[in-house]
Amino acid sequence: MKFSVFTVMAPDTTPERMIHYLKETGYDGVEWRFKETPEEVKKQETSFWGNNLCTIDPAISDQEIQQLAQTAKENGIEIFSVTPYLTSGDLEATERVLDVAKKFGAKSIRLGVPRYDRSSNYHDLYQGALHYLQEAEQMCKQYGVKGLVETHHQTITPSASLAYRLVRSLNPDHIGVLYDPGNMVHEGYENYRMGMELLGDYLAHVHVKNAQWVKQTDDDQVNWQVQWAQLDKGVVDWKQVLTDLKAVGYDGNIGMEDFSNAYPTKESLKFNLDAIKKLVNGV
């Protein structure tokens, strides 16, 4: 297996500095967060989904891509992915991401999936998403970059089985699934191995993070909420996940995506890599 970092987890670190951090801590690759940052957001404190300094702007020039790609190459860091926040159906934005990914030499991008918030019928959202993915599949084939659908809460693909239902008619050479057990703590949990077996050739990438359910009591009302947690303190049994990945023959990329704030960025990079490698070696 190879290990990477999705740079959303390093909001206080520039892309250039991140490459050096990854080399120092022993990673193989990087997954660039790809999103515009409005000027008013840039005035805020750094945060995962707000003013994130370790983000590639969609307006990046070819020269800037070449320079950053060269820095990565010189430090032995592979660019595994360009990871945007695409809207399902936005083919123009999808093609822009594919173009940037190809210039970076990245293997994959994340595609858009409709959110599910009870305001639209699942079947309608599914049909629209399938049409988008059919178009995106041809683009991915053209650019030589795989498009990934993520198992993500509050979307129509919270679980492995629903992700599989969406992609099963598409070519796994061009469309795959990003399997994220941490997201499945929120919703979408299924027996890990069963989900992996179902995905089969569509299982293209894995994200590593953890979360836990926390009980909150207010006026005698009990509410449960999910909070991000340190890798070894959440609900996901990562030893079991890795055992199941081995059982289905997965030997692909493993990407860190820690939102626990348990450690400063560089320490978090080292902690997560050491912890997951220890589990991998014990499986």
C-alpha atoms as a PDB file:
ATOM      1  CA  MET A   1       0.000   0.000   0.000  1.00  0.00           C
ATOM      2  CA  LYS A   2       0.985   3.610  -0.529  1.00  0.00           C
ATOM      3  CA  PHE A   3       0.116   6.419   1.870  1.00  0.00           C
ATOM      4  CA  SER A   4      -0.966   9.965   1.109  1.00  0.00           C
ATOM      5  CA  VAL A   5      -2.574  13.000   2.748  1.00  0.00           C
ATOM      6  CA  PHE A   6      -5.651  14.908   1.632  1.00  0.00           C
ATOM      7  CA  THR A   7      -4.470  18.465   2.294  1.00  0.00           C
ATOM      8  CA  VAL A   8      -7.821  19.571   3.725  1.00  0.00           C
ATOM      9  CA  MET A   9      -6.387  18.322   7.049  1.00  0.00           C
ATOM     10  CA  ALA A  10      -3.509  20.834   6.917  1.00  0.00           C
ATOM     11  CA  PRO A  11      -5.159  24.272   6.709  1.00  0.00           C
ATOM     12  CA  ASP A  12      -2.208  26.167   8.208  1.00  0.00           C
ATOM     13  CA  THR A  13       0.337  24.733   5.763  1.00  0.00           C
ATOM     14  CA  THR A  14       1.153  25.891   2.237  1.00  0.00           C
ATOM     15  CA  PRO A  15       1.356  23.320  -0.592  1.00  0.00           C
ATOM     16  CA  GLU A  16       5.124  23.819  -0.897  1.00  0.00           C
ATOM     17  CA  ARG A  17       5.678  23.305   2.822  1.00  0.00           C
ATOM     18  CA  MET A  18       3.354  20.294   2.788  1.00  0.00           C
ATOM     19  CA  ILE A  19       5.526  18.527   0.212  1.00  0.00           C
ATOM     20  CA  HIS A  20       8.526  18.848   2.524  1.00  0.00           C
ATOM     21  CA  TYR A  21       6.472  17.716   5.535  1.00  0.00           C
ATOM     22  CA  LEU A  22       5.369  14.627   3.612  1.00  0.00           C
ATOM     23  CA  LYS A  23       8.929  13.766   2.679  1.00  0.00           C
ATOM     24  CA  GLU A  24      10.119  14.218   6.270  1.00  0.00           C
ATOM     25  CA  THR A  25       7.340  12.084   7.746  1.00  0.00           C
ATOM     26  CA  GLY A  26       7.596   9.269   5.191  1.00  0.00           C
ATOM     27  CA  TYR A  27       4.513   9.596   2.980  1.00  0.00           C
ATOM     28  CA  ASP A  28       4.362   8.493  -0.638  1.00  0.00           C
ATOM     29  CA  GLY A  29       1.926  11.019  -2.060  1.00  0.00           C
ATOM     30  CA  VAL A  30      -0.456  13.945  -1.751  1.00  0.00           C
ATOM     31  CA  GLU A  31      -4.098  14.661  -2.609  1.00  0.00           C
ATOM     32  CA  TRP A  32      -4.527  18.367  -3.300  1.00  0.00           C
ATOM     33  CA  ARG A  33      -7.609  20.151  -1.982  1.00  0.00           C
ATOM     34  CA  PHE A  34      -8.958  22.052  -5.013  1.00  0.00           C
ATOM     35  CA  LYS A  35     -11.260  24.977  -4.322  1.00  0.00           C
ATOM     36  CA  GLU A  36     -11.478  28.739  -4.683  1.00  0.00           C
ATOM     37  CA  THR A  37     -11.123  30.807  -1.484  1.00  0.00           C
ATOM     38  CA  PRO A  38     -13.136  34.062  -1.489  1.00  0.00           C
ATOM     39  CA  GLU A  39     -11.234  37.180  -0.418  1.00  0.00           C
ATOM     40  CA  GLU A  40     -13.404  37.657   2.674  1.00  0.00           C
ATOM     41  CA  VAL A  41     -12.621  34.073   3.755  1.00  0.00           C
ATOM     42  CA  LYS A  42      -8.879  34.700   3.386  1.00  0.00           C
ATOM     43  CA  LYS A  43      -9.180  37.251   6.224  1.00  0.00           C
ATOM     44  CA  GLN A  44     -10.398  34.577   8.625  1.00  0.00           C
ATOM     45  CA  GLU A  45      -8.316  32.246  10.760  1.00  0.00           C
ATOM     46  CA  THR A  46      -7.217  29.088   9.006  1.00  0.00           C
ATOM     47  CA  SER A  47      -9.678  26.184   9.112  1.00  0.00           C
ATOM     48  CA  PHE A  48     -10.342  22.878   7.374  1.00  0.00           C
ATOM     49  CA  TRP A  49     -13.183  24.039   5.116  1.00  0.00           C
ATOM     50  CA  GLY A  50     -12.703  27.808   5.205  1.00  0.00           C
ATOM     51  CA  ASN A  51      -9.388  29.633   4.913  1.00  0.00           C
ATOM     52  CA  ASN A  52      -7.355  26.563   4.093  1.00  0.00           C
ATOM     53  CA  LEU A  53      -3.856  27.503   2.943  1.00  0.00           C
ATOM     54  CA  CYS A  54      -3.085  24.021   1.602  1.00  0.00           C
ATOM     55  CA  THR A  55      -5.535  24.441  -1.258  1.00  0.00           C
ATOM     56  CA  ILE A  56      -5.034  24.665  -5.016  1.00  0.00           C
ATOM     57  CA  ASP A  57      -7.040  27.476  -6.575  1.00  0.00           C
ATOM     58  CA  PRO A  58      -8.936  26.495  -9.752  1.00  0.00           C
ATOM     59  CA  ALA A  59      -7.366  29.560 -11.388  1.00  0.00           C
ATOM     60  CA  ILE A  60      -3.858  28.090 -10.986  1.00  0.00           C
ATOM     61  CA  SER A  61      -1.657  28.719 -14.022  1.00  0.00           C
ATOM     62  CA  ASP A  62       0.143  26.049 -16.017  1.00  0.00           C
ATOM     63  CA  GLN A  63       3.448  27.498 -14.828  1.00  0.00           C
ATOM     64  CA  GLU A  64       2.396  27.210 -11.185  1.00  0.00           C
ATOM     65  CA  ILE A  65       1.262  23.620 -11.772  1.00  0.00           C
ATOM     66  CA  GLN A  66       4.596  22.771 -13.359  1.00  0.00           C
ATOM     67  CA  GLN A  67       6.569  24.336 -10.500  1.00  0.00           C
ATOM     68  CA  LEU A  68       4.589  22.562  -7.774  1.00  0.00           C
ATOM     69  CA  ALA A  69       4.684  19.256  -9.653  1.00  0.00           C
ATOM     70  CA  GLN A  70       8.458  19.602 -10.033  1.00  0.00           C
ATOM     71  CA  THR A  71       8.872  20.287  -6.313  1.00  0.00           C
ATOM     72  CA  ALA A  72       6.855  17.165  -5.539  1.00  0.00           C
ATOM     73  CA  LYS A  73       8.910  15.081  -7.966  1.00  0.00           C
ATOM     74  CA  GLU A  74      12.212  16.321  -6.533  1.00  0.00           C
ATOM     75  CA  ASN A  75      11.068  15.268  -3.075  1.00  0.00           C
ATOM     76  CA  GLY A  76       9.744  11.871  -4.150  1.00  0.00           C
ATOM     77  CA  ILE A  77       6.096  12.754  -3.523  1.00  0.00           C
ATOM     78  CA  GLU A  78       3.500  11.424  -5.954  1.00  0.00           C
ATOM     79  CA  ILE A  79       0.442  13.528  -6.723  1.00  0.00           C
ATOM     80  CA  PHE A  80      -2.301  10.946  -6.252  1.00  0.00           C
ATOM     81  CA  SER A  81      -5.336  13.160  -6.659  1.00  0.00           C
ATOM     82  CA  VAL A  82      -6.814  16.580  -7.266  1.00  0.00           C
ATOM     83  CA  THR A  83      -9.832  16.653  -4.960  1.00  0.00           C
ATOM     84  CA  PRO A  84     -12.505  19.304  -5.586  1.00  0.00           C
ATOM     85  CA  TYR A  85     -16.015  19.931  -4.280  1.00  0.00           C
ATOM     86  CA  LEU A  86     -17.889  19.493  -7.539  1.00  0.00           C
ATOM     87  CA  THR A  87     -21.608  19.868  -8.005  1.00  0.00           C
ATOM     88  CA  SER A  88     -23.186  16.855  -9.671  1.00  0.00           C
ATOM     89  CA  GLY A  89     -23.995  17.821 -13.247  1.00  0.00           C
ATOM     90  CA  ASP A  90     -21.369  20.569 -13.588  1.00  0.00           C
ATOM     91  CA  LEU A  91     -19.446  19.158 -16.529  1.00  0.00           C
ATOM     92  CA  GLU A  92     -17.559  22.378 -17.236  1.00  0.00           C
ATOM     93  CA  ALA A  93     -16.049  22.459 -13.743  1.00  0.00           C
ATOM     94  CA  THR A  94     -15.410  18.708 -13.933  1.00  0.00           C
ATOM     95  CA  GLU A  95     -13.400  19.127 -17.118  1.00  0.00           C
ATOM     96  CA  ARG A  96     -11.365  21.930 -15.530  1.00  0.00           C
ATOM     97  CA  VAL A  97     -10.418  19.621 -12.660  1.00  0.00           C
ATOM     98  CA  LEU A  98      -9.515  16.820 -15.063  1.00  0.00           C
ATOM     99  CA  ASP A  99      -7.328  19.193 -17.063  1.00  0.00           C
ATOM    100  CA  VAL A 100      -5.467  20.324 -13.933  1.00  0.00           C
ATOM    101  CA  ALA A 101      -5.159  16.736 -12.688  1.00  0.00           C
ATOM    102  CA  LYS A 102      -3.645  15.585 -15.980  1.00  0.00           C
ATOM    103  CA  LYS A 103      -1.128  18.439 -15.914  1.00  0.00           C
ATOM    104  CA  PHE A 104      -0.170  17.487 -12.358  1.00  0.00           C
ATOM    105  CA  GLY A 105       0.147  13.840 -13.373  1.00  0.00           C
ATOM    106  CA  ALA A 106      -2.556  12.877 -10.851  1.00  0.00           C
ATOM    107  CA  LYS A 107      -4.313   9.531 -11.097  1.00  0.00           C
ATOM    108  CA  SER A 108      -7.757  10.597  -9.940  1.00  0.00           C
ATOM    109  CA  ILE A 109     -10.239  13.322  -9.062  1.00  0.00           C
ATOM    110  CA  ARG A 110     -13.357  13.338  -6.879  1.00  0.00           C
ATOM    111  CA  LEU A 111     -16.615  13.690  -8.784  1.00  0.00           C
ATOM    112  CA  GLY A 112     -19.785  15.418  -7.627  1.00  0.00           C
ATOM    113  CA  VAL A 113     -22.632  13.536  -5.945  1.00  0.00           C
ATOM    114  CA  PRO A 114     -26.027  15.093  -5.096  1.00  0.00           C
ATOM    115  CA  ARG A 115     -26.697  15.988  -1.482  1.00  0.00           C
ATOM    116  CA  TYR A 116     -29.673  14.346   0.151  1.00  0.00           C
ATOM    117  CA  ASP A 117     -31.602  16.636   2.525  1.00  0.00           C
ATOM    118  CA  ARG A 118     -35.172  15.354   2.091  1.00  0.00           C
ATOM    119  CA  SER A 119     -36.062  18.236  -0.256  1.00  0.00           C
ATOM    120  CA  SER A 120     -35.801  16.094  -3.418  1.00  0.00           C
ATOM    121  CA  ASN A 121     -36.730  12.491  -4.115  1.00  0.00           C
ATOM    122  CA  TYR A 122     -33.819  10.039  -4.094  1.00  0.00           C
ATOM    123  CA  HIS A 123     -34.857   8.493  -7.413  1.00  0.00           C
ATOM    124  CA  ASP A 124     -34.764  11.869  -9.160  1.00  0.00           C
ATOM    125  CA  LEU A 125     -31.362  12.670  -7.675  1.00  0.00           C
ATOM    126  CA  TYR A 126     -30.093   9.229  -8.687  1.00  0.00           C
ATOM    127  CA  GLN A 127     -31.137   9.631 -12.321  1.00  0.00           C
ATOM    128  CA  GLY A 128     -29.518  13.055 -12.550  1.00  0.00           C
ATOM    129  CA  ALA A 129     -26.315  11.795 -10.945  1.00  0.00           C
ATOM    130  CA  LEU A 130     -26.149   8.771 -13.241  1.00  0.00           C
ATOM    131  CA  HIS A 131     -26.510  10.967 -16.331  1.00  0.00           C
ATOM    132  CA  TYR A 132     -23.698  13.201 -15.039  1.00  0.00           C
ATOM    133  CA  LEU A 133     -21.428  10.246 -14.336  1.00  0.00           C
ATOM    134  CA  GLN A 134     -22.037   8.798 -17.785  1.00  0.00           C
ATOM    135  CA  GLU A 135     -20.812  12.076 -19.278  1.00  0.00           C
ATOM    136  CA  ALA A 136     -17.958  12.342 -16.780  1.00  0.00           C
ATOM    137  CA  GLU A 137     -16.878   8.783 -17.600  1.00  0.00           C
ATOM    138  CA  GLN A 138     -16.134   9.789 -21.177  1.00  0.00           C
ATOM    139  CA  MET A 139     -14.172  12.816 -19.964  1.00  0.00           C
ATOM    140  CA  CYS A 140     -12.183  10.673 -17.542  1.00  0.00           C
ATOM    141  CA  LYS A 141     -11.365   8.259 -20.358  1.00  0.00           C
ATOM    142  CA  GLN A 142     -10.256  11.150 -22.558  1.00  0.00           C
ATOM    143  CA  TYR A 143      -7.979  12.663 -19.906  1.00  0.00           C
ATOM    144  CA  GLY A 144      -6.697   9.368 -18.533  1.00  0.00           C
ATOM    145  CA  VAL A 145      -7.736  10.288 -14.988  1.00  0.00           C
ATOM    146  CA  LYS A 146     -10.131   8.176 -12.898  1.00  0.00           C
ATOM    147  CA  GLY A 147     -13.206   9.853 -11.399  1.00  0.00           C
ATOM    148  CA  LEU A 148     -14.134   8.801  -7.856  1.00  0.00           C
ATOM    149  CA  VAL A 149     -17.468   8.785  -6.057  1.00  0.00           C
ATOM    150  CA  GLU A 150     -17.012   9.090  -2.290  1.00  0.00           C
ATOM    151  CA  THR A 151     -19.000   7.347   0.415  1.00  0.00           C
ATOM    152  CA  HIS A 152     -20.134  10.506   2.190  1.00  0.00           C
ATOM    153  CA  HIS A 153     -22.871  11.352   4.664  1.00  0.00           C
ATOM    154  CA  GLN A 154     -25.703  13.656   3.547  1.00  0.00           C
ATOM    155  CA  THR A 155     -25.343  12.538  -0.066  1.00  0.00           C
ATOM    156  CA  ILE A 156     -27.014   9.801  -2.104  1.00  0.00           C
ATOM    157  CA  THR A 157     -23.893   7.642  -1.612  1.00  0.00           C
ATOM    158  CA  PRO A 158     -23.449   7.365   2.180  1.00  0.00           C
ATOM    159  CA  SER A 159     -22.695   3.632   1.993  1.00  0.00           C
ATOM    160  CA  ALA A 160     -20.728   1.206  -0.133  1.00  0.00           C
ATOM    161  CA  SER A 161     -23.909  -0.367  -1.459  1.00  0.00           C
ATOM    162  CA  LEU A 162     -25.450   2.939  -2.559  1.00  0.00           C
ATOM    163  CA  ALA A 163     -22.158   4.021  -4.127  1.00  0.00           C
ATOM    164  CA  TYR A 164     -22.073   0.701  -5.973  1.00  0.00           C
ATOM    165  CA  ARG A 165     -25.646   1.144  -7.177  1.00  0.00           C
ATOM    166  CA  LEU A 166     -24.661   4.484  -8.692  1.00  0.00           C
ATOM    167  CA  VAL A 167     -21.488   3.337 -10.473  1.00  0.00           C
ATOM    168  CA  ARG A 168     -22.246  -0.317 -11.314  1.00  0.00           C
ATOM    169  CA  SER A 169     -23.119   0.353 -14.982  1.00  0.00           C
ATOM    170  CA  LEU A 170     -19.914   2.348 -15.565  1.00  0.00           C
ATOM    171  CA  ASN A 171     -16.432   1.186 -16.500  1.00  0.00           C
ATOM    172  CA  PRO A 172     -14.258   0.700 -13.373  1.00  0.00           C
ATOM    173  CA  ASP A 173     -11.228   1.661 -15.458  1.00  0.00           C
ATOM    174  CA  HIS A 174     -12.577   5.217 -15.490  1.00  0.00           C
ATOM    175  CA  ILE A 175     -14.997   5.486 -12.554  1.00  0.00           C
ATOM    176  CA  GLY A 176     -14.384   4.189  -9.034  1.00  0.00           C
ATOM    177  CA  VAL A 177     -15.342   4.605  -5.400  1.00  0.00           C
ATOM    178  CA  LEU A 178     -13.452   6.389  -2.640  1.00  0.00           C
ATOM    179  CA  TYR A 179     -14.249   4.274   0.429  1.00  0.00           C
ATOM    180  CA  ASP A 180     -14.423   6.349   3.635  1.00  0.00           C
ATOM    181  CA  PRO A 181     -15.357   4.449   6.834  1.00  0.00           C
ATOM    182  CA  GLY A 182     -15.013   7.642   8.901  1.00  0.00           C
ATOM    183  CA  ASN A 183     -17.846   9.254   6.966  1.00  0.00           C
ATOM    184  CA  MET A 184     -19.875   6.083   7.467  1.00  0.00           C
ATOM    185  CA  VAL A 185     -19.935   6.729  11.228  1.00  0.00           C
ATOM    186  CA  HIS A 186     -22.356   9.583  10.454  1.00  0.00           C
ATOM    187  CA  GLU A 187     -24.518   7.363   8.233  1.00  0.00           C
ATOM    188  CA  GLY A 188     -24.059   4.502   5.809  1.00  0.00           C
ATOM    189  CA  TYR A 189     -22.340   1.934   8.028  1.00  0.00           C
ATOM    190  CA  GLU A 190     -22.319  -1.594   6.638  1.00  0.00           C
ATOM    191  CA  ASN A 191     -20.148  -4.585   7.379  1.00  0.00           C
ATOM    192  CA  TYR A 192     -16.821  -3.411   5.969  1.00  0.00           C
ATOM    193  CA  ARG A 193     -15.853  -6.570   4.124  1.00  0.00           C
ATOM    194  CA  MET A 194     -19.303  -7.017   2.609  1.00  0.00           C
ATOM    195  CA  GLY A 195     -19.163  -3.489   1.229  1.00  0.00           C
ATOM    196  CA  MET A 196     -15.682  -4.036  -0.177  1.00  0.00           C
ATOM    197  CA  GLU A 197     -16.721  -7.319  -1.785  1.00  0.00           C
ATOM    198  CA  LEU A 198     -19.708  -5.586  -3.350  1.00  0.00           C
ATOM    199  CA  LEU A 199     -17.561  -2.758  -4.731  1.00  0.00           C
ATOM    200  CA  GLY A 200     -15.072  -5.183  -6.265  1.00  0.00           C
ATOM    201  CA  ASP A 201     -13.096  -3.475  -9.029  1.00  0.00           C
ATOM    202  CA  TYR A 202     -14.727  -0.134  -8.185  1.00  0.00           C
ATOM    203  CA  LEU A 203     -12.832   0.065  -4.864  1.00  0.00           C
ATOM    204  CA  ALA A 204     -10.253   2.628  -5.954  1.00  0.00           C
ATOM    205  CA  HIS A 205      -9.083   4.564  -2.894  1.00  0.00           C
ATOM    206  CA  VAL A 206      -9.511   4.643   0.907  1.00  0.00           C
ATOM    207  CA  HIS A 207      -9.614   7.609   3.279  1.00  0.00           C
ATOM    208  CA  VAL A 208      -8.514   7.227   6.888  1.00  0.00           C
ATOM    209  CA  LYS A 209     -10.099   9.220   9.709  1.00  0.00           C
ATOM    210  CA  ASN A 210     -12.303   8.479  12.680  1.00  0.00           C
ATOM    211  CA  ALA A 211     -15.363   9.794  14.478  1.00  0.00           C
ATOM    212  CA  GLN A 212     -17.484   9.058  17.521  1.00  0.00           C
ATOM    213  CA  TRP A 213     -21.060   9.482  18.692  1.00  0.00           C
ATOM    214  CA  VAL A 214     -21.416  11.940  21.593  1.00  0.00           C
ATOM    215  CA  LYS A 215     -24.494  12.217  23.798  1.00  0.00           C
ATOM    216  CA  GLN A 216     -25.703  15.715  24.583  1.00  0.00           C
ATOM    217  CA  THR A 217     -28.487  16.380  27.075  1.00  0.00           C
ATOM    218  CA  ASP A 218     -30.566  19.554  26.910  1.00  0.00           C
ATOM    219  CA  ASP A 219     -33.766  20.134  28.924  1.00  0.00           C
ATOM    220  CA  ASP A 220     -34.136  16.415  29.587  1.00  0.00           C
ATOM    221  CA  GLN A 221     -33.823  15.716  25.846  1.00  0.00           C
ATOM    222  CA  VAL A 222     -31.046  13.365  24.753  1.00  0.00           C
ATOM    223  CA  ASN A 223     -29.417  14.108  21.418  1.00  0.00           C
ATOM    224  CA  TRP A 224     -26.626  12.196  19.750  1.00  0.00           C
ATOM    225  CA  GLN A 225     -24.133  13.941  17.475  1.00  0.00           C
ATOM    226  CA  VAL A 226     -21.081  12.768  15.566  1.00  0.00           C
ATOM    227  CA  GLN A 227     -17.751  14.412  16.317  1.00  0.00           C
ATOM    228  CA  TRP A 228     -14.442  13.784  14.578  1.00  0.00           C
ATOM    229  CA  ALA A 229     -12.013  11.805  16.695  1.00  0.00           C
ATOM    230  CA  GLN A 230      -8.375  10.770  16.841  1.00  0.00           C
ATOM    231  CA  LEU A 231      -7.656   7.695  14.716  1.00  0.00           C
ATOM    232  CA  ASP A 232      -7.406   5.332  17.677  1.00  0.00           C
ATOM    233  CA  LYS A 233     -10.293   6.788  19.681  1.00  0.00           C
ATOM    234  CA  GLY A 234     -13.260   6.663  17.309  1.00  0.00           C
ATOM    235  CA  VAL A 235     -15.922   4.162  16.305  1.00  0.00           C
ATOM    236  CA  VAL A 236     -14.153   2.809  13.211  1.00  0.00           C
ATOM    237  CA  ASP A 237     -12.174  -0.362  13.954  1.00  0.00           C
ATOM    238  CA  TRP A 238      -9.282   0.335  11.626  1.00  0.00           C
ATOM    239  CA  LYS A 239      -7.590  -2.990  12.350  1.00  0.00           C
ATOM    240  CA  GLN A 240     -10.730  -4.718  11.065  1.00  0.00           C
ATOM    241  CA  VAL A 241     -10.976  -2.393   8.042  1.00  0.00           C
ATOM    242  CA  LEU A 242      -7.378  -3.129   7.085  1.00  0.00           C
ATOM    243  CA  THR A 243      -7.894  -6.864   7.631  1.00  0.00           C
ATOM    244  CA  ASP A 244     -10.880  -6.714   5.301  1.00  0.00           C
ATOM    245  CA  LEU A 245      -8.989  -4.678   2.705  1.00  0.00           C
ATOM    246  CA  LYS A 246      -6.276  -7.344   2.713  1.00  0.00           C
ATOM    247  CA  ALA A 247      -8.900 -10.093   2.443  1.00  0.00           C
ATOM    248  CA  VAL A 248     -10.385  -8.591  -0.738  1.00  0.00           C
ATOM    249  CA  GLY A 249      -6.928  -8.077  -2.251  1.00  0.00           C
ATOM    250  CA  TYR A 250      -6.802  -4.280  -1.987  1.00  0.00           C
ATOM    251  CA  ASP A 251      -3.266  -2.940  -2.300  1.00  0.00           C
ATOM    252  CA  GLY A 252      -3.971   0.614  -3.407  1.00  0.00           C
ATOM    253  CA  ASN A 253      -3.668   4.058  -1.895  1.00  0.00           C
ATOM    254  CA  ILE A 254      -4.554   4.959   1.694  1.00  0.00           C
ATOM    255  CA  GLY A 255      -5.154   8.683   2.282  1.00  0.00           C
ATOM    256  CA  MET A 256      -5.100  10.410   5.690  1.00  0.00           C
ATOM    257  CA  GLU A 257      -7.847  12.925   6.451  1.00  0.00           C
ATOM    258  CA  ASP A 258      -7.709  13.691  10.194  1.00  0.00           C
ATOM    259  CA  PHE A 259     -10.123  16.350  11.508  1.00  0.00           C
ATOM    260  CA  SER A 260      -9.662  15.627  15.218  1.00  0.00           C
ATOM    261  CA  ASN A 261      -7.358  18.589  15.965  1.00  0.00           C
ATOM    262  CA  ALA A 262      -5.555  16.267  18.377  1.00  0.00           C
ATOM    263  CA  TYR A 263      -2.119  17.421  17.207  1.00  0.00           C
ATOM    264  CA  PRO A 264      -0.544  20.274  15.240  1.00  0.00           C
ATOM    265  CA  THR A 265      -0.308  19.541  11.516  1.00  0.00           C
ATOM    266  CA  LYS A 266       3.174  18.043  11.270  1.00  0.00           C
ATOM    267  CA  GLU A 267       2.717  15.941  14.415  1.00  0.00           C
ATOM    268  CA  SER A 268      -0.668  14.798  13.117  1.00  0.00           C
ATOM    269  CA  LEU A 269       0.899  13.648   9.853  1.00  0.00           C
ATOM    270  CA  LYS A 270       3.462  11.542  11.716  1.00  0.00           C
ATOM    271  CA  PHE A 271       0.991  10.178  14.287  1.00  0.00           C
ATOM    272  CA  ASN A 272      -1.503   9.003  11.673  1.00  0.00           C
ATOM    273  CA  LEU A 273       1.093   7.413   9.407  1.00  0.00           C
ATOM    274  CA  ASP A 274       2.811   5.626  12.298  1.00  0.00           C
ATOM    275  CA  ALA A 275      -0.524   4.406  13.666  1.00  0.00           C
ATOM    276  CA  ILE A 276      -1.885   3.078  10.376  1.00  0.00           C
ATOM    277  CA  LYS A 277       1.431   1.444   9.387  1.00  0.00           C
ATOM    278  CA  LYS A 278       1.544  -0.307  12.745  1.00  0.00           C
ATOM    279  CA  LEU A 279      -1.936  -1.687  12.081  1.00  0.00           C
ATOM    280  CA  VAL A 280      -1.060  -2.676   8.513  1.00  0.00           C
ATOM    281  CA  ASN A 281       2.039  -4.550   9.694  1.00  0.00           C
ATOM    282  CA  GLY A 282      -0.024  -6.347  12.321  1.00  0.00           C
ATOM    283  CA  VAL A 283      -2.669  -7.563   9.872  1.00  0.00           C
END
